[in-house]
């Protein structure tokens, strides 16, 4: 008797799963993610917001100033998922 139980189908990753895997490898900016995934920066930010909620984190807002020196010029924000 032949059944389907022995077949394993590899489903493609969702955009959020792809972003999560990318962030697990190291920090990325929203602009870099958008370029690599052919999305707009806003679309990436929406996915990051959802990922942040899924991981039990707070909202992912860019700080207005550098938290260390309080200067107005800031690079990023950079996002990363740590296991």
C-alpha atoms as a PDB file:
ATOM      1  CA  UNK A   1       0.000   0.000   0.000  1.00  0.00           C
ATOM      2  CA  UNK A   2       1.361   3.392  -0.961  1.00  0.00           C
ATOM      3  CA  UNK A   3       0.538   6.424   1.114  1.00  0.00           C
ATOM      4  CA  UNK A   4       1.498  10.065   1.222  1.00  0.00           C
ATOM      5  CA  UNK A   5       2.985   9.867   4.722  1.00  0.00           C
ATOM      6  CA  UNK A   6       6.526   9.373   3.455  1.00  0.00           C
ATOM      7  CA  UNK A   7       6.546  12.574   1.388  1.00  0.00           C
ATOM      8  CA  UNK A   8       7.831  15.763   2.947  1.00  0.00           C
ATOM      9  CA  UNK A   9       6.974  18.964   1.160  1.00  0.00           C
ATOM     10  CA  UNK A  10       9.221  21.952   1.677  1.00  0.00           C
ATOM     11  CA  UNK A  11       6.970  24.978   1.755  1.00  0.00           C
ATOM     12  CA  UNK A  12       8.468  28.346   0.872  1.00  0.00           C
ATOM     13  CA  UNK A  13       9.078  30.706   3.760  1.00  0.00           C
ATOM     14  CA  UNK A  14       6.805  33.658   4.367  1.00  0.00           C
ATOM     15  CA  UNK A  15       8.261  37.146   4.183  1.00  0.00           C
ATOM     16  CA  UNK A  16       8.265  37.389   7.984  1.00  0.00           C
ATOM     17  CA  UNK A  17       9.993  34.021   8.331  1.00  0.00           C
ATOM     18  CA  UNK A  18      12.588  35.148   5.803  1.00  0.00           C
ATOM     19  CA  UNK A  19      13.138  38.437   7.660  1.00  0.00           C
ATOM     20  CA  UNK A  20      13.416  36.563  10.961  1.00  0.00           C
ATOM     21  CA  UNK A  21      16.061  34.234   9.524  1.00  0.00           C
ATOM     22  CA  UNK A  22      17.988  37.165   8.073  1.00  0.00           C
ATOM     23  CA  UNK A  23      17.918  38.972  11.427  1.00  0.00           C
ATOM     24  CA  UNK A  24      19.092  35.834  13.225  1.00  0.00           C
ATOM     25  CA  UNK A  25      22.293  35.989  11.134  1.00  0.00           C
ATOM     26  CA  UNK A  26      23.136  39.548  12.211  1.00  0.00           C
ATOM     27  CA  UNK A  27      21.889  43.137  12.304  1.00  0.00           C
ATOM     28  CA  UNK A  28      20.151  44.681   9.279  1.00  0.00           C
ATOM     29  CA  UNK A  29      18.634  48.088   8.678  1.00  0.00           C
ATOM     30  CA  UNK A  30      15.086  48.349   7.369  1.00  0.00           C
ATOM     31  CA  UNK A  31      16.487  49.886   4.183  1.00  0.00           C
ATOM     32  CA  UNK A  32      18.865  46.949   3.631  1.00  0.00           C
ATOM     33  CA  UNK A  33      16.064  44.436   4.209  1.00  0.00           C
ATOM     34  CA  UNK A  34      13.825  46.314   1.790  1.00  0.00           C
ATOM     35  CA  UNK A  35      16.498  46.258  -0.913  1.00  0.00           C
ATOM     36  CA  UNK A  36      17.259  42.557  -0.532  1.00  0.00           C
ATOM     37  CA  UNK A  37      13.586  41.536  -0.379  1.00  0.00           C
ATOM     38  CA  UNK A  38      12.330  43.921  -3.104  1.00  0.00           C
ATOM     39  CA  UNK A  39       9.937  45.607  -0.659  1.00  0.00           C
ATOM     40  CA  UNK A  40       9.408  49.206   0.348  1.00  0.00           C
ATOM     41  CA  UNK A  41      10.896  50.422   3.610  1.00  0.00           C
ATOM     42  CA  UNK A  42       7.384  50.901   4.998  1.00  0.00           C
ATOM     43  CA  UNK A  43       6.433  47.295   4.171  1.00  0.00           C
ATOM     44  CA  UNK A  44       9.541  46.055   5.976  1.00  0.00           C
ATOM     45  CA  UNK A  45       8.750  48.258   8.983  1.00  0.00           C
ATOM     46  CA  UNK A  46       5.235  46.777   9.152  1.00  0.00           C
ATOM     47  CA  UNK A  47       6.681  43.257   9.097  1.00  0.00           C
ATOM     48  CA  UNK A  48       9.212  44.229  11.779  1.00  0.00           C
ATOM     49  CA  UNK A  49       6.418  45.600  13.974  1.00  0.00           C
ATOM     50  CA  UNK A  50       4.573  42.298  13.696  1.00  0.00           C
ATOM     51  CA  UNK A  51       7.746  40.298  14.403  1.00  0.00           C
ATOM     52  CA  UNK A  52       8.421  42.454  17.441  1.00  0.00           C
ATOM     53  CA  UNK A  53       4.957  41.719  18.827  1.00  0.00           C
ATOM     54  CA  UNK A  54       5.302  38.016  18.001  1.00  0.00           C
ATOM     55  CA  UNK A  55       8.581  37.847  19.908  1.00  0.00           C
ATOM     56  CA  UNK A  56       7.056  39.610  22.919  1.00  0.00           C
ATOM     57  CA  UNK A  57       9.058  42.760  22.420  1.00  0.00           C
ATOM     58  CA  UNK A  58       7.966  46.356  22.477  1.00  0.00           C
ATOM     59  CA  UNK A  59       7.247  48.454  19.426  1.00  0.00           C
ATOM     60  CA  UNK A  60      10.180  48.962  17.090  1.00  0.00           C
ATOM     61  CA  UNK A  61      10.523  52.720  16.912  1.00  0.00           C
ATOM     62  CA  UNK A  62      13.667  54.495  15.859  1.00  0.00           C
ATOM     63  CA  UNK A  63      15.052  56.626  18.678  1.00  0.00           C
ATOM     64  CA  UNK A  64      15.027  60.358  18.044  1.00  0.00           C
ATOM     65  CA  UNK A  65      18.519  60.776  19.460  1.00  0.00           C
ATOM     66  CA  UNK A  66      21.457  58.592  20.293  1.00  0.00           C
ATOM     67  CA  UNK A  67      20.704  57.066  23.706  1.00  0.00           C
ATOM     68  CA  UNK A  68      24.406  57.096  24.670  1.00  0.00           C
ATOM     69  CA  UNK A  69      25.534  60.632  23.788  1.00  0.00           C
ATOM     70  CA  UNK A  70      22.132  62.311  23.273  1.00  0.00           C
ATOM     71  CA  UNK A  71      23.367  63.689  19.940  1.00  0.00           C
ATOM     72  CA  UNK A  72      20.833  64.257  17.192  1.00  0.00           C
ATOM     73  CA  UNK A  73      22.640  62.302  14.518  1.00  0.00           C
ATOM     74  CA  UNK A  74      21.948  58.595  14.656  1.00  0.00           C
ATOM     75  CA  UNK A  75      22.731  55.704  12.319  1.00  0.00           C
ATOM     76  CA  UNK A  76      20.105  53.014  11.867  1.00  0.00           C
ATOM     77  CA  UNK A  77      17.998  51.740  13.398  1.00  0.00           C
ATOM     78  CA  UNK A  78      19.440  48.261  13.096  1.00  0.00           C
ATOM     79  CA  UNK A  79      17.397  45.173  13.844  1.00  0.00           C
ATOM     80  CA  UNK A  80      18.492  41.719  14.937  1.00  0.00           C
ATOM     81  CA  UNK A  81      16.868  38.588  16.383  1.00  0.00           C
ATOM     82  CA  UNK A  82      18.955  36.791  18.988  1.00  0.00           C
ATOM     83  CA  UNK A  83      18.133  33.197  19.890  1.00  0.00           C
END
